[in-house]
Amino acid sequence: ISSTKSKRRCNSFSPTRLTQPQNNHDVGTNNVTEIRYYEHNEWKCAYRYKPAECDNLIPLLLIHPVGIGMSSWFWNNLMHQYQGEVYAVDLIGCGTIGGDTWDPDAHGMFFPLTWVQQCEILLRKVICRPCAVVCQGAVAPVGVLLTWRDCQMQFAPENTSATWSNQNFISHLILSSPPTYKAMIEPLPMSTLRRNYQFYRSFLGGLAFDALENRFAIKLFSNLFLFDNPVDDNFITNAVTECKKELRSPIMAVNAGMLMHRSWKDELASISQPTLVLCGDTDPRRKGQRAYQEAMMHCTFKVMLE
């Protein structure tokens, strides 16, 4: 993804870099990457930022998967490899870099709207120029709703130093290993959502989290379900570091199916920005993911080969 206005030539963005490569480094140890904060309503939000190394690449807004040990660190390798400006947000309730945790008994959240609005504030008040949004896995509805709302509203940036106005904040949408198109357009029954969520919040659900929040379980699960190649030690270490009881609530909500409480068919069909859907060559869902290309206006489907 390259900007048409360029003074320096840089390597163009390669979609294959969206897969989780080996030798994952900790961004926090990279002196060119910063942890920054901003406010959204009463929430303190955190994100990782890396400045651009050259001018002709579009900024990236990276939205991490929600799962055991997952937060913005998931994008460490891409942040190191991509030469453009990068923003990797910690979704509210996720991560240990200083954003607010979420206690559902004290404060409600709308899924995925609260996370979408959190990203909108980052786009409008911080980034202030068109960027590509990259979503990983089951958080695809966050990227879809964020991009659809951007199509509808075309806000001017709130940063007065910005040189553009009345344009879309999102130039491209990239969905990496999303749910199948069928799963995105067929909402889960409310009874199923309620049953799933009650289980995760139960004593047995707590025992399940206890059993999974350790190096052995994370390594086994990652090798079986996430990556074709053996997961590296840095990935496991980062995930284990993020395994804290106060960070379980968003995982419970997403695993219960809260992001699939309604159909996203209309939003998918209405998105005008170019969209790229990526999947691995061994992903059994790739046939169901290919359907995005037929249902969306400007969608490309790509299988990534190892």
Protein backbone atom coordinates (compact mmCIF):
# COMPACT_ATOMS: atom_id res chain seq x y z
CA ILE A 1 0.00 0.00 0.00
CA SER A 2 1.78 3.10 -1.17
CA SER A 3 0.84 6.75 -1.11
CA THR A 4 0.72 8.49 -4.47
CA LYS A 5 2.49 11.48 -2.96
CA SER A 6 6.04 10.36 -2.35
CA LYS A 7 9.45 11.95 -2.07
CA ARG A 8 11.45 8.89 -1.05
CA ARG A 9 11.17 5.39 -2.46
CA CYS A 10 10.57 2.56 -0.01
CA ASN A 11 9.71 -1.10 -0.18
CA SER A 12 5.99 -1.48 -0.80
CA PHE A 13 3.79 -3.19 1.75
CA SER A 14 3.62 -6.96 1.39
CA PRO A 15 0.42 -8.66 2.60
CA THR A 16 2.42 -11.74 3.53
CA ARG A 17 3.83 -9.80 6.45
CA LEU A 18 0.44 -9.89 8.13
CA THR A 19 0.99 -13.47 9.21
CA GLN A 20 2.78 -13.92 12.52
CA PRO A 21 6.44 -14.47 11.57
CA GLN A 22 8.99 -16.30 13.66
CA ASN A 23 11.43 -14.58 16.04
CA ASN A 24 8.79 -12.21 17.40
CA HIS A 25 10.50 -9.35 19.24
CA ASP A 26 9.13 -7.26 22.07
CA VAL A 27 8.28 -3.83 20.70
CA GLY A 28 8.74 -2.36 24.14
CA THR A 29 12.49 -2.94 23.82
CA ASN A 30 12.68 -1.10 20.51
CA ASN A 31 13.72 2.49 21.16
CA VAL A 32 11.91 3.73 18.05
CA THR A 33 8.55 2.45 19.30
CA GLU A 34 6.63 4.38 21.92
CA ILE A 35 3.69 3.63 24.19
CA ARG A 36 1.20 6.48 24.15
CA TYR A 37 -2.19 7.24 25.65
CA TYR A 38 -5.39 9.10 24.88
CA GLU A 39 -8.87 9.43 26.37
CA HIS A 40 -12.15 8.10 25.04
CA ASN A 41 -15.08 9.12 27.22
CA GLU A 42 -14.04 7.91 30.68
CA TRP A 43 -11.61 5.32 29.33
CA LYS A 44 -7.83 5.65 29.32
CA CYS A 45 -6.69 4.05 26.06
CA ALA A 46 -3.19 2.87 25.17
CA TYR A 47 -1.46 2.23 21.87
CA ARG A 48 1.99 1.47 20.49
CA TYR A 49 3.41 3.90 17.97
CA LYS A 50 6.28 3.63 15.49
CA PRO A 51 7.17 6.62 13.29
CA ALA A 52 7.61 6.27 9.56
CA GLU A 53 11.01 5.46 8.11
CA CYS A 54 9.99 6.80 4.68
CA ASP A 55 7.28 8.97 3.21
CA ASN A 56 5.48 7.00 0.54
CA LEU A 57 3.74 4.38 2.69
CA ILE A 58 0.26 4.75 4.12
CA PRO A 59 0.02 4.56 7.94
CA LEU A 60 -1.36 1.37 9.46
CA LEU A 61 -3.88 1.09 12.30
CA LEU A 62 -3.52 -2.42 13.69
CA ILE A 63 -6.33 -4.11 15.65
CA HIS A 64 -5.14 -7.15 17.57
CA PRO A 65 -7.03 -10.41 18.11
CA VAL A 66 -8.77 -10.85 21.45
CA GLY A 67 -7.75 -14.03 23.21
CA ILE A 68 -5.65 -15.41 26.02
CA GLY A 69 -2.51 -13.29 26.30
CA MET A 70 -3.35 -11.18 23.23
CA SER A 71 -3.01 -7.41 22.91
CA SER A 72 -1.17 -4.92 20.69
CA TRP A 73 2.15 -6.75 21.16
CA PHE A 74 0.76 -9.33 18.70
CA TRP A 75 1.82 -6.96 15.91
CA ASN A 76 5.46 -6.65 17.06
CA ASN A 77 6.98 -8.16 13.93
CA LEU A 78 4.83 -6.16 11.52
CA MET A 79 5.67 -2.95 13.38
CA HIS A 80 9.38 -3.75 13.02
CA GLN A 81 9.14 -4.71 9.35
CA TYR A 82 6.75 -2.12 7.95
CA GLN A 83 8.58 1.09 7.02
CA GLY A 84 5.57 3.37 7.28
CA GLU A 85 3.94 4.87 10.34
CA VAL A 86 2.21 2.30 12.58
CA TYR A 87 -0.38 2.58 15.35
CA ALA A 88 -1.22 -0.61 17.28
CA VAL A 89 -4.11 -0.03 19.65
CA ASP A 90 -4.86 -1.96 22.82
CA LEU A 91 -8.61 -2.53 22.69
CA ILE A 92 -10.30 -1.39 25.89
CA GLY A 93 -9.87 -4.04 28.59
CA CYS A 94 -6.89 -5.68 26.86
CA GLY A 95 -3.16 -5.40 27.44
CA THR A 96 -0.79 -4.42 30.23
CA ILE A 97 0.79 -1.22 28.85
CA GLY A 98 -1.40 1.14 30.85
CA GLY A 99 -4.89 1.28 29.37
CA ASP A 100 -7.95 0.75 31.53
CA THR A 101 -9.15 -2.74 32.36
CA TRP A 102 -12.83 -3.61 32.04
CA ASP A 103 -15.02 -4.88 34.86
CA PRO A 104 -18.42 -5.81 33.35
CA ASP A 105 -20.06 -5.69 36.78
CA ALA A 106 -19.07 -2.04 37.18
CA HIS A 107 -19.30 -0.73 33.62
CA GLY A 108 -21.09 -1.98 30.53
CA MET A 109 -19.71 -2.07 27.01
CA PHE A 110 -21.32 -2.31 23.57
CA PHE A 111 -19.78 -4.88 21.24
CA PRO A 112 -18.17 -3.97 18.94
CA LEU A 113 -19.29 -0.32 19.08
CA THR A 114 -17.22 0.74 22.10
CA TRP A 115 -14.02 -0.56 20.49
CA VAL A 116 -14.99 1.03 17.17
CA GLN A 117 -15.52 4.42 18.81
CA GLN A 118 -12.20 4.03 20.61
CA CYS A 119 -10.48 3.59 17.23
CA GLU A 120 -12.43 6.51 15.72
CA ILE A 121 -11.03 8.86 18.38
CA LEU A 122 -7.52 7.65 17.58
CA LEU A 123 -8.14 8.28 13.88
CA ARG A 124 -9.66 11.73 14.37
CA LYS A 125 -7.48 13.15 17.13
CA VAL A 126 -4.13 11.42 16.72
CA ILE A 127 -3.55 9.94 13.27
CA CYS A 128 -5.44 12.67 11.39
CA ARG A 129 -4.78 11.32 7.91
CA PRO A 130 -5.95 8.38 5.80
CA CYS A 131 -4.62 5.00 6.89
CA ALA A 132 -5.12 1.29 6.29
CA VAL A 133 -6.91 -0.67 9.02
CA VAL A 134 -5.69 -4.21 9.68
CA CYS A 135 -7.79 -6.62 11.78
CA GLN A 136 -6.75 -10.10 12.87
CA GLY A 137 -9.13 -13.00 13.37
CA ALA A 138 -12.46 -12.79 15.16
CA VAL A 139 -12.30 -9.01 15.67
CA ALA A 140 -13.19 -8.55 11.99
CA PRO A 141 -16.55 -6.94 12.98
CA VAL A 142 -14.57 -4.13 14.64
CA GLY A 143 -12.80 -3.32 11.38
CA VAL A 144 -15.94 -3.76 9.30
CA LEU A 145 -18.07 -1.45 11.44
CA LEU A 146 -15.22 1.07 11.77
CA THR A 147 -14.78 1.21 7.99
CA TRP A 148 -18.51 1.33 7.28
CA ARG A 149 -19.01 4.22 9.71
CA ASP A 150 -16.09 6.00 8.07
CA CYS A 151 -17.87 5.61 4.71
CA GLN A 152 -20.99 7.20 6.18
CA MET A 153 -19.54 10.07 8.18
CA GLN A 154 -16.33 11.45 6.59
CA PHE A 155 -15.27 13.52 9.59
CA ALA A 156 -12.74 16.29 9.25
CA PRO A 157 -9.69 15.72 11.47
CA GLU A 158 -9.74 17.50 14.84
CA ASN A 159 -6.00 18.21 14.64
CA THR A 160 -5.83 21.69 13.16
CA SER A 161 -2.38 21.03 11.67
CA ALA A 162 -3.85 18.41 9.33
CA THR A 163 -3.78 19.43 5.66
CA TRP A 164 -6.83 17.53 4.43
CA SER A 165 -10.53 17.52 5.27
CA ASN A 166 -13.81 15.89 4.31
CA GLN A 167 -12.12 12.66 3.30
CA ASN A 168 -12.28 9.13 4.61
CA PHE A 169 -9.92 8.33 7.46
CA ILE A 170 -9.70 4.74 6.24
CA SER A 171 -8.18 4.20 2.80
CA HIS A 172 -8.03 0.38 2.91
CA LEU A 173 -9.38 -2.45 5.06
CA ILE A 174 -7.37 -5.65 5.56
CA LEU A 175 -9.00 -8.65 7.23
CA SER A 176 -6.42 -11.27 8.18
CA SER A 177 -7.85 -14.75 8.89
CA PRO A 178 -11.39 -13.45 9.52
CA PRO A 179 -14.41 -15.64 10.31
CA THR A 180 -16.12 -17.07 7.26
CA TYR A 181 -18.49 -14.77 5.41
CA LYS A 182 -21.40 -17.00 6.48
CA ALA A 183 -20.45 -16.59 10.14
CA MET A 184 -20.36 -12.81 9.66
CA ILE A 185 -23.88 -12.59 8.24
CA GLU A 186 -25.71 -15.17 10.40
CA PRO A 187 -26.12 -13.81 13.94
CA LEU A 188 -25.89 -16.11 16.93
CA PRO A 189 -29.14 -16.51 18.91
CA MET A 190 -29.31 -14.48 22.09
CA SER A 191 -29.87 -17.67 24.08
CA THR A 192 -26.56 -19.03 22.77
CA LEU A 193 -24.69 -15.83 23.61
CA ARG A 194 -26.16 -15.81 27.12
CA ARG A 195 -25.33 -19.48 27.72
CA ASN A 196 -21.78 -19.10 26.44
CA TYR A 197 -21.10 -15.99 28.47
CA GLN A 198 -22.52 -17.47 31.66
CA PHE A 199 -20.24 -20.47 31.26
CA TYR A 200 -17.11 -18.36 30.88
CA ARG A 201 -18.04 -16.40 34.01
CA SER A 202 -18.80 -19.54 35.99
CA PHE A 203 -16.52 -21.50 38.30
CA LEU A 204 -15.87 -24.04 35.54
CA GLY A 205 -15.07 -21.24 33.12
CA GLY A 206 -12.54 -19.88 35.59
CA LEU A 207 -10.92 -23.30 35.82
CA ALA A 208 -10.71 -23.40 32.02
CA PHE A 209 -8.87 -20.07 31.99
CA ASP A 210 -6.53 -21.28 34.74
CA ALA A 211 -5.70 -24.37 32.69
CA LEU A 212 -5.02 -22.38 29.50
CA GLU A 213 -3.02 -19.45 30.88
CA ASN A 214 0.39 -21.10 30.94
CA ARG A 215 3.31 -21.67 28.57
CA PHE A 216 2.49 -25.29 27.78
CA ALA A 217 -1.15 -24.63 26.89
CA ILE A 218 -0.41 -21.49 24.87
CA LYS A 219 2.30 -23.29 22.91
CA LEU A 220 0.09 -26.31 22.25
CA PHE A 221 -2.92 -24.23 21.19
CA SER A 222 -0.82 -21.92 18.98
CA ASN A 223 0.87 -24.80 17.18
CA LEU A 224 -2.39 -26.69 16.69
CA PHE A 225 -4.70 -23.85 15.64
CA LEU A 226 -2.84 -20.64 14.86
CA PHE A 227 0.43 -21.16 13.00
CA ASP A 228 1.80 -23.55 10.42
CA ASN A 229 5.33 -23.27 11.82
CA PRO A 230 6.22 -23.91 15.48
CA VAL A 231 5.56 -20.84 17.57
CA ASP A 232 8.69 -19.14 18.94
CA ASP A 233 9.57 -18.57 22.59
CA ASN A 234 9.19 -14.78 22.44
CA PHE A 235 5.58 -15.13 21.31
CA ILE A 236 4.83 -17.49 24.19
CA THR A 237 6.61 -15.27 26.72
CA ASN A 238 4.68 -12.18 25.62
CA ALA A 239 1.38 -14.07 25.77
CA VAL A 240 2.08 -15.47 29.24
CA THR A 241 3.00 -11.98 30.49
CA GLU A 242 -0.45 -10.74 29.42
CA CYS A 243 -2.32 -13.57 31.19
CA LYS A 244 -3.98 -11.78 34.09
CA LYS A 245 -7.40 -12.35 35.64
CA GLU A 246 -8.36 -8.70 35.26
CA LEU A 247 -7.89 -9.04 31.48
CA ARG A 248 -10.26 -11.98 31.03
CA SER A 249 -13.54 -10.08 30.56
CA PRO A 250 -13.02 -9.06 26.88
CA ILE A 251 -11.91 -12.62 26.09
CA MET A 252 -15.07 -14.00 27.67
CA ALA A 253 -17.23 -11.64 25.64
CA VAL A 254 -15.56 -12.39 22.31
CA ASN A 255 -15.39 -16.15 22.88
CA ALA A 256 -19.05 -16.12 23.85
CA GLY A 257 -19.83 -14.65 20.42
CA MET A 258 -20.74 -11.08 21.38
CA LEU A 259 -19.24 -9.71 18.15
CA MET A 260 -21.64 -11.94 16.23
CA HIS A 261 -24.82 -10.79 17.93
CA ARG A 262 -26.11 -9.47 14.61
CA SER A 263 -25.48 -9.76 10.89
CA TRP A 264 -22.80 -7.62 9.23
CA LYS A 265 -24.14 -8.27 5.73
CA ASP A 266 -25.29 -4.71 5.03
CA GLU A 267 -22.05 -3.15 6.27
CA LEU A 268 -19.92 -5.54 4.23
CA ALA A 269 -21.92 -4.81 1.09
CA SER A 270 -21.70 -1.03 1.61
CA ILE A 271 -17.98 -0.58 2.24
CA SER A 272 -16.47 1.36 -0.65
CA GLN A 273 -12.82 1.22 0.40
CA PRO A 274 -10.61 -1.44 -1.19
CA THR A 275 -10.60 -4.51 1.04
CA LEU A 276 -8.09 -7.34 1.21
CA VAL A 277 -9.05 -10.67 2.83
CA LEU A 278 -6.08 -12.85 3.73
CA CYS A 279 -5.94 -16.48 4.81
CA GLY A 280 -3.30 -19.16 5.20
CA ASP A 281 -3.00 -21.94 2.67
CA THR A 282 -3.82 -24.54 5.34
CA ASP A 283 -6.79 -22.65 6.81
CA PRO A 284 -9.83 -24.96 6.43
CA ARG A 285 -12.09 -21.90 6.35
CA ARG A 286 -10.60 -20.42 3.19
CA LYS A 287 -13.51 -21.52 0.99
CA GLY A 288 -15.90 -19.69 3.30
CA GLN A 289 -13.59 -16.67 3.41
CA ARG A 290 -13.46 -16.43 -0.37
CA ALA A 291 -17.15 -15.44 -0.34
CA TYR A 292 -16.17 -11.94 0.87
CA GLN A 293 -14.85 -11.25 -2.62
CA GLU A 294 -18.24 -11.84 -4.16
CA ALA A 295 -20.23 -9.97 -1.51
CA MET A 296 -18.14 -6.79 -1.22
CA MET A 297 -17.72 -4.01 -3.76
CA HIS A 298 -13.93 -3.81 -3.95
CA CYS A 299 -12.59 -6.93 -2.29
CA THR A 300 -9.57 -9.07 -3.13
CA PHE A 301 -9.08 -12.53 -1.62
CA LYS A 302 -5.52 -13.80 -1.19
CA VAL A 303 -4.17 -17.11 0.09
CA MET A 304 -0.73 -16.73 1.68
CA LEU A 305 1.72 -19.50 0.93
CA GLU A 306 4.43 -20.41 3.42
